Amino acid sequence: MFLFPLAFSPGPGNMFFATMSARFGFAATLRANAGYHLATLAVTLLIGLGLISVLEPGSAIFAALKMAGGFYVLWLAFKLARAGTTGENAAAKQAGFADGAMLLVLNPKAYVIIFLMFTQFADAGPRDLHMRVLVITLLFTLNNLVAFSLWALAGDALGRLFRSETAAWWLNLAFATVLTGVGLWMLLG
């Protein structure tokens, strides 16, 4: 119940996957989705096993990640706004595994959720600390995978309505604007 609204509400990851899926189709997001969620698994395990003190909200490292994440999302929005509409050049602009992983690593919303999750539930579940961290990590990662996949499917359905050159251009511009808003929120919020 704790994770559901956090993973399913709009944020950098959800908007990224909805945007990419609307532009290129659901299947084209699978590599980036795998990158994002393998990075989620690794980062969540590391934080759960002790890096929480280094990546504490308000620390210089956290502030740097927040800034880098905001600029990265703005860069993605810029790339999308300049992307071609349909046709042969579309494959060259699809997001890959590294793009998905980078989006997680530079996503301050993910770190806040991970910190909240461990502070609220670190004493629940199995007695063994390592097993507890693993259970929390797996639940978090799977919940996000379902949420982001649903956002990508919704983006794909929306994108099917915009397959003409003109409609695709407007869709790119609309999603670039949304990503710009998310990037600015990350930088200023």
C-alpha atoms as a PDB file:
ATOM      1  CA  MET A   1       0.000   0.000   0.000  1.00  0.00           C
ATOM      2  CA  PHE A   2       2.907   2.339   0.759  1.00  0.00           C
ATOM      3  CA  LEU A   3       4.597   1.788  -2.609  1.00  0.00           C
ATOM      4  CA  PHE A   4       1.529   1.801  -4.846  1.00  0.00           C
ATOM      5  CA  PRO A   5       0.826   5.566  -4.978  1.00  0.00           C
ATOM      6  CA  LEU A   6       4.530   6.398  -5.087  1.00  0.00           C
ATOM      7  CA  ALA A   7       5.293   4.150  -8.061  1.00  0.00           C
ATOM      8  CA  PHE A   8       2.116   4.818 -10.021  1.00  0.00           C
ATOM      9  CA  SER A   9       2.072   8.621  -9.618  1.00  0.00           C
ATOM     10  CA  PRO A  10       3.695  10.728 -12.351  1.00  0.00           C
ATOM     11  CA  GLY A  11       7.429  11.134 -11.948  1.00  0.00           C
ATOM     12  CA  PRO A  12      10.573  11.071 -14.064  1.00  0.00           C
ATOM     13  CA  GLY A  13      10.512   7.302 -14.674  1.00  0.00           C
ATOM     14  CA  ASN A  14       6.801   7.036 -15.458  1.00  0.00           C
ATOM     15  CA  MET A  15       6.872  10.011 -17.821  1.00  0.00           C
ATOM     16  CA  PHE A  16      10.019   8.746 -19.531  1.00  0.00           C
ATOM     17  CA  PHE A  17       8.536   5.317 -20.266  1.00  0.00           C
ATOM     18  CA  ALA A  18       5.149   6.704 -21.328  1.00  0.00           C
ATOM     19  CA  THR A  19       6.921   9.144 -23.637  1.00  0.00           C
ATOM     20  CA  MET A  20       9.281   6.626 -25.182  1.00  0.00           C
ATOM     21  CA  SER A  21       6.497   4.088 -25.632  1.00  0.00           C
ATOM     22  CA  ALA A  22       4.197   6.633 -27.250  1.00  0.00           C
ATOM     23  CA  ARG A  23       6.990   7.559 -29.619  1.00  0.00           C
ATOM     24  CA  PHE A  24       8.468   4.154 -30.461  1.00  0.00           C
ATOM     25  CA  GLY A  25       6.019   1.544 -29.133  1.00  0.00           C
ATOM     26  CA  PHE A  26       6.036  -0.620 -26.026  1.00  0.00           C
ATOM     27  CA  ALA A  27       8.596  -3.148 -27.294  1.00  0.00           C
ATOM     28  CA  ALA A  28      11.137  -0.376 -27.895  1.00  0.00           C
ATOM     29  CA  THR A  29      11.117   0.487 -24.163  1.00  0.00           C
ATOM     30  CA  LEU A  30      12.026  -2.992 -22.936  1.00  0.00           C
ATOM     31  CA  ARG A  31      15.827  -2.447 -22.939  1.00  0.00           C
ATOM     32  CA  ALA A  32      15.526   0.859 -21.050  1.00  0.00           C
ATOM     33  CA  ASN A  33      13.002  -0.722 -18.668  1.00  0.00           C
ATOM     34  CA  ALA A  34      15.448  -3.552 -17.945  1.00  0.00           C
ATOM     35  CA  GLY A  35      18.245  -1.030 -17.335  1.00  0.00           C
ATOM     36  CA  TYR A  36      16.091   1.045 -15.008  1.00  0.00           C
ATOM     37  CA  HIS A  37      14.927  -1.890 -12.948  1.00  0.00           C
ATOM     38  CA  LEU A  38      18.279  -3.654 -12.675  1.00  0.00           C
ATOM     39  CA  ALA A  39      19.685  -0.314 -11.488  1.00  0.00           C
ATOM     40  CA  THR A  40      16.734  -0.062  -9.065  1.00  0.00           C
ATOM     41  CA  LEU A  41      17.591  -3.483  -7.685  1.00  0.00           C
ATOM     42  CA  ALA A  42      21.284  -2.602  -7.248  1.00  0.00           C
ATOM     43  CA  VAL A  43      20.763   0.883  -5.773  1.00  0.00           C
ATOM     44  CA  THR A  44      18.031  -0.292  -3.401  1.00  0.00           C
ATOM     45  CA  LEU A  45      20.171  -3.178  -2.164  1.00  0.00           C
ATOM     46  CA  LEU A  46      23.168  -0.876  -1.634  1.00  0.00           C
ATOM     47  CA  ILE A  47      21.109   1.695   0.255  1.00  0.00           C
ATOM     48  CA  GLY A  48      19.429  -1.015   2.313  1.00  0.00           C
ATOM     49  CA  LEU A  49      22.783  -2.521   3.200  1.00  0.00           C
ATOM     50  CA  GLY A  50      24.333   0.699   4.434  1.00  0.00           C
ATOM     51  CA  LEU A  51      24.757   3.469   1.904  1.00  0.00           C
ATOM     52  CA  ILE A  52      21.777   5.287   3.389  1.00  0.00           C
ATOM     53  CA  SER A  53      24.140   7.386   5.518  1.00  0.00           C
ATOM     54  CA  VAL A  54      26.108   8.537   2.441  1.00  0.00           C
ATOM     55  CA  LEU A  55      23.076   9.366   0.282  1.00  0.00           C
ATOM     56  CA  GLU A  56      21.061  11.078   2.977  1.00  0.00           C
ATOM     57  CA  PRO A  57      18.585  13.686   1.674  1.00  0.00           C
ATOM     58  CA  GLY A  58      20.161  17.100   2.170  1.00  0.00           C
ATOM     59  CA  SER A  59      23.725  15.812   1.758  1.00  0.00           C
ATOM     60  CA  ALA A  60      25.988  17.227  -0.946  1.00  0.00           C
ATOM     61  CA  ILE A  61      25.952  13.919  -2.841  1.00  0.00           C
ATOM     62  CA  PHE A  62      22.147  13.855  -2.831  1.00  0.00           C
ATOM     63  CA  ALA A  63      21.987  17.497  -3.993  1.00  0.00           C
ATOM     64  CA  ALA A  64      24.415  16.721  -6.825  1.00  0.00           C
ATOM     65  CA  LEU A  65      22.306  13.737  -7.906  1.00  0.00           C
ATOM     66  CA  LYS A  66      19.208  15.919  -7.820  1.00  0.00           C
ATOM     67  CA  MET A  67      20.811  18.522 -10.081  1.00  0.00           C
ATOM     68  CA  ALA A  68      22.280  15.933 -12.443  1.00  0.00           C
ATOM     69  CA  GLY A  69      18.926  14.143 -12.647  1.00  0.00           C
ATOM     70  CA  GLY A  70      17.047  17.326 -13.452  1.00  0.00           C
ATOM     71  CA  PHE A  71      19.501  18.231 -16.201  1.00  0.00           C
ATOM     72  CA  TYR A  72      19.401  14.676 -17.578  1.00  0.00           C
ATOM     73  CA  VAL A  73      15.595  14.750 -17.856  1.00  0.00           C
ATOM     74  CA  LEU A  74      15.803  18.180 -19.534  1.00  0.00           C
ATOM     75  CA  TRP A  75      18.349  16.735 -21.988  1.00  0.00           C
ATOM     76  CA  LEU A  76      15.967  13.847 -22.739  1.00  0.00           C
ATOM     77  CA  ALA A  77      13.154  16.365 -23.325  1.00  0.00           C
ATOM     78  CA  PHE A  78      15.399  18.349 -25.681  1.00  0.00           C
ATOM     79  CA  LYS A  79      16.273  15.189 -27.624  1.00  0.00           C
ATOM     80  CA  LEU A  80      12.603  14.259 -27.884  1.00  0.00           C
ATOM     81  CA  ALA A  81      11.573  17.737 -29.048  1.00  0.00           C
ATOM     82  CA  ARG A  82      14.212  17.547 -31.807  1.00  0.00           C
ATOM     83  CA  ALA A  83      13.429  13.936 -32.752  1.00  0.00           C
ATOM     84  CA  GLY A  84      12.099  13.084 -36.154  1.00  0.00           C
ATOM     85  CA  THR A  85       8.493  12.169 -36.364  1.00  0.00           C
ATOM     86  CA  THR A  86       8.174   8.782 -38.000  1.00  0.00           C
ATOM     87  CA  GLY A  87      10.197   6.745 -40.390  1.00  0.00           C
ATOM     88  CA  GLU A  88      13.682   5.306 -40.674  1.00  0.00           C
ATOM     89  CA  ASN A  89      15.504   7.564 -38.201  1.00  0.00           C
ATOM     90  CA  ALA A  90      13.233   6.497 -35.326  1.00  0.00           C
ATOM     91  CA  ALA A  91      15.343   3.469 -34.333  1.00  0.00           C
ATOM     92  CA  ALA A  92      18.430   5.620 -33.784  1.00  0.00           C
ATOM     93  CA  LYS A  93      16.661   7.642 -31.101  1.00  0.00           C
ATOM     94  CA  GLN A  94      15.225   4.840 -28.991  1.00  0.00           C
ATOM     95  CA  ALA A  95      16.321   4.642 -25.375  1.00  0.00           C
ATOM     96  CA  GLY A  96      18.582   1.747 -24.441  1.00  0.00           C
ATOM     97  CA  PHE A  97      19.630  -0.181 -21.352  1.00  0.00           C
ATOM     98  CA  ALA A  98      22.150   2.492 -20.260  1.00  0.00           C
ATOM     99  CA  ASP A  99      19.539   5.259 -20.630  1.00  0.00           C
ATOM    100  CA  GLY A 100      17.196   3.391 -18.299  1.00  0.00           C
ATOM    101  CA  ALA A 101      19.935   2.742 -15.739  1.00  0.00           C
ATOM    102  CA  MET A 102      21.083   6.369 -15.875  1.00  0.00           C
ATOM    103  CA  LEU A 103      17.524   7.577 -15.369  1.00  0.00           C
ATOM    104  CA  LEU A 104      17.305   5.614 -12.114  1.00  0.00           C
ATOM    105  CA  VAL A 105      20.750   6.621 -10.866  1.00  0.00           C
ATOM    106  CA  LEU A 106      19.945  10.306 -11.470  1.00  0.00           C
ATOM    107  CA  ASN A 107      16.348  10.166 -10.181  1.00  0.00           C
ATOM    108  CA  PRO A 108      16.087  11.888  -6.786  1.00  0.00           C
ATOM    109  CA  LYS A 109      12.442  10.779  -6.399  1.00  0.00           C
ATOM    110  CA  ALA A 110      13.674   7.179  -6.378  1.00  0.00           C
ATOM    111  CA  TYR A 111      16.166   7.895  -3.582  1.00  0.00           C
ATOM    112  CA  VAL A 112      13.541   9.649  -1.469  1.00  0.00           C
ATOM    113  CA  ILE A 113      11.166   6.712  -1.877  1.00  0.00           C
ATOM    114  CA  ILE A 114      13.914   4.208  -1.076  1.00  0.00           C
ATOM    115  CA  PHE A 115      14.881   6.142   2.081  1.00  0.00           C
ATOM    116  CA  LEU A 116      11.248   6.398   3.177  1.00  0.00           C
ATOM    117  CA  MET A 117      10.698   2.736   2.486  1.00  0.00           C
ATOM    118  CA  PHE A 118      13.666   1.595   4.567  1.00  0.00           C
ATOM    119  CA  THR A 119      12.951   3.991   7.441  1.00  0.00           C
ATOM    120  CA  GLN A 120       9.346   2.809   7.620  1.00  0.00           C
ATOM    121  CA  PHE A 121       9.779  -0.917   7.026  1.00  0.00           C
ATOM    122  CA  ALA A 122      13.366  -1.841   7.915  1.00  0.00           C
ATOM    123  CA  ASP A 123      12.169  -3.566  11.082  1.00  0.00           C
ATOM    124  CA  ALA A 124       9.298  -5.478   9.408  1.00  0.00           C
ATOM    125  CA  GLY A 125       9.498  -8.894   7.819  1.00  0.00           C
ATOM    126  CA  PRO A 126      12.142 -11.582   8.295  1.00  0.00           C
ATOM    127  CA  ARG A 127      14.461 -11.377  11.305  1.00  0.00           C
ATOM    128  CA  ASP A 128      17.613 -11.566   9.231  1.00  0.00           C
ATOM    129  CA  LEU A 129      18.565  -8.027   8.130  1.00  0.00           C
ATOM    130  CA  HIS A 130      19.923  -9.164   4.770  1.00  0.00           C
ATOM    131  CA  MET A 131      16.745 -11.116   4.011  1.00  0.00           C
ATOM    132  CA  ARG A 132      14.624  -8.103   5.051  1.00  0.00           C
ATOM    133  CA  VAL A 133      16.579  -5.820   2.719  1.00  0.00           C
ATOM    134  CA  LEU A 134      16.231  -8.343  -0.093  1.00  0.00           C
ATOM    135  CA  VAL A 135      12.450  -8.694   0.402  1.00  0.00           C
ATOM    136  CA  ILE A 136      11.935  -4.915   0.515  1.00  0.00           C
ATOM    137  CA  THR A 137      14.172  -4.473  -2.547  1.00  0.00           C
ATOM    138  CA  LEU A 138      12.341  -7.104  -4.571  1.00  0.00           C
ATOM    139  CA  LEU A 139       8.897  -5.738  -3.661  1.00  0.00           C
ATOM    140  CA  PHE A 140       9.984  -2.208  -4.564  1.00  0.00           C
ATOM    141  CA  THR A 141      11.536  -3.257  -7.873  1.00  0.00           C
ATOM    142  CA  LEU A 142       8.599  -5.438  -8.938  1.00  0.00           C
ATOM    143  CA  ASN A 143       6.071  -2.757  -7.980  1.00  0.00           C
ATOM    144  CA  ASN A 144       7.957  -0.204 -10.088  1.00  0.00           C
ATOM    145  CA  LEU A 145       8.268  -2.639 -12.985  1.00  0.00           C
ATOM    146  CA  VAL A 146       4.488  -3.129 -13.039  1.00  0.00           C
ATOM    147  CA  ALA A 147       3.824   0.614 -12.722  1.00  0.00           C
ATOM    148  CA  PHE A 148       6.282   1.642 -15.426  1.00  0.00           C
ATOM    149  CA  SER A 149       5.071  -1.110 -17.748  1.00  0.00           C
ATOM    150  CA  LEU A 150       1.489   0.125 -17.371  1.00  0.00           C
ATOM    151  CA  TRP A 151       2.617   3.705 -18.090  1.00  0.00           C
ATOM    152  CA  ALA A 152       4.484   2.430 -21.156  1.00  0.00           C
ATOM    153  CA  LEU A 153       1.424   0.504 -22.359  1.00  0.00           C
ATOM    154  CA  ALA A 154      -0.707   3.627 -21.921  1.00  0.00           C
ATOM    155  CA  GLY A 155       1.893   5.642 -23.822  1.00  0.00           C
ATOM    156  CA  ASP A 156       1.903   3.058 -26.598  1.00  0.00           C
ATOM    157  CA  ALA A 157      -1.900   3.224 -26.886  1.00  0.00           C
ATOM    158  CA  LEU A 158      -1.751   7.016 -27.041  1.00  0.00           C
ATOM    159  CA  GLY A 159       1.073   6.903 -29.557  1.00  0.00           C
ATOM    160  CA  ARG A 160      -0.965   4.726 -31.919  1.00  0.00           C
ATOM    161  CA  LEU A 161      -3.309   7.666 -32.333  1.00  0.00           C
ATOM    162  CA  PHE A 162      -0.414   9.844 -33.486  1.00  0.00           C
ATOM    163  CA  ARG A 163       1.309   7.880 -36.273  1.00  0.00           C
ATOM    164  CA  SER A 164       1.035  10.544 -38.979  1.00  0.00           C
ATOM    165  CA  GLU A 165       3.955  12.946 -39.473  1.00  0.00           C
ATOM    166  CA  THR A 166       2.088  15.986 -38.155  1.00  0.00           C
ATOM    167  CA  ALA A 167       0.450  14.178 -35.256  1.00  0.00           C
ATOM    168  CA  ALA A 168       3.772  12.571 -34.264  1.00  0.00           C
ATOM    169  CA  TRP A 169       5.452  15.991 -34.264  1.00  0.00           C
ATOM    170  CA  TRP A 170       2.776  17.361 -31.919  1.00  0.00           C
ATOM    171  CA  LEU A 171       3.052  14.301 -29.697  1.00  0.00           C
ATOM    172  CA  ASN A 172       6.848  14.722 -29.483  1.00  0.00           C
ATOM    173  CA  LEU A 173       6.390  18.382 -28.580  1.00  0.00           C
ATOM    174  CA  ALA A 174       3.734  17.612 -25.961  1.00  0.00           C
ATOM    175  CA  PHE A 175       5.815  14.915 -24.274  1.00  0.00           C
ATOM    176  CA  ALA A 176       8.957  17.045 -24.482  1.00  0.00           C
ATOM    177  CA  THR A 177       7.021  19.761 -22.664  1.00  0.00           C
ATOM    178  CA  VAL A 178       5.918  17.286 -19.984  1.00  0.00           C
ATOM    179  CA  LEU A 179       9.495  16.027 -19.560  1.00  0.00           C
ATOM    180  CA  THR A 180      10.716  19.626 -19.362  1.00  0.00           C
ATOM    181  CA  GLY A 181       8.228  20.229 -16.554  1.00  0.00           C
ATOM    182  CA  VAL A 182       9.434  17.116 -14.735  1.00  0.00           C
ATOM    183  CA  GLY A 183      13.079  18.180 -15.185  1.00  0.00           C
ATOM    184  CA  LEU A 184      12.353  21.663 -13.842  1.00  0.00           C
ATOM    185  CA  TRP A 185      10.429  20.184 -10.915  1.00  0.00           C
ATOM    186  CA  MET A 186      13.433  17.990 -10.141  1.00  0.00           C
ATOM    187  CA  LEU A 187      15.782  20.991 -10.260  1.00  0.00           C
ATOM    188  CA  LEU A 188      13.589  23.442  -8.365  1.00  0.00           C
ATOM    189  CA  GLY A 189      11.343  21.250  -6.224  1.00  0.00           C
END
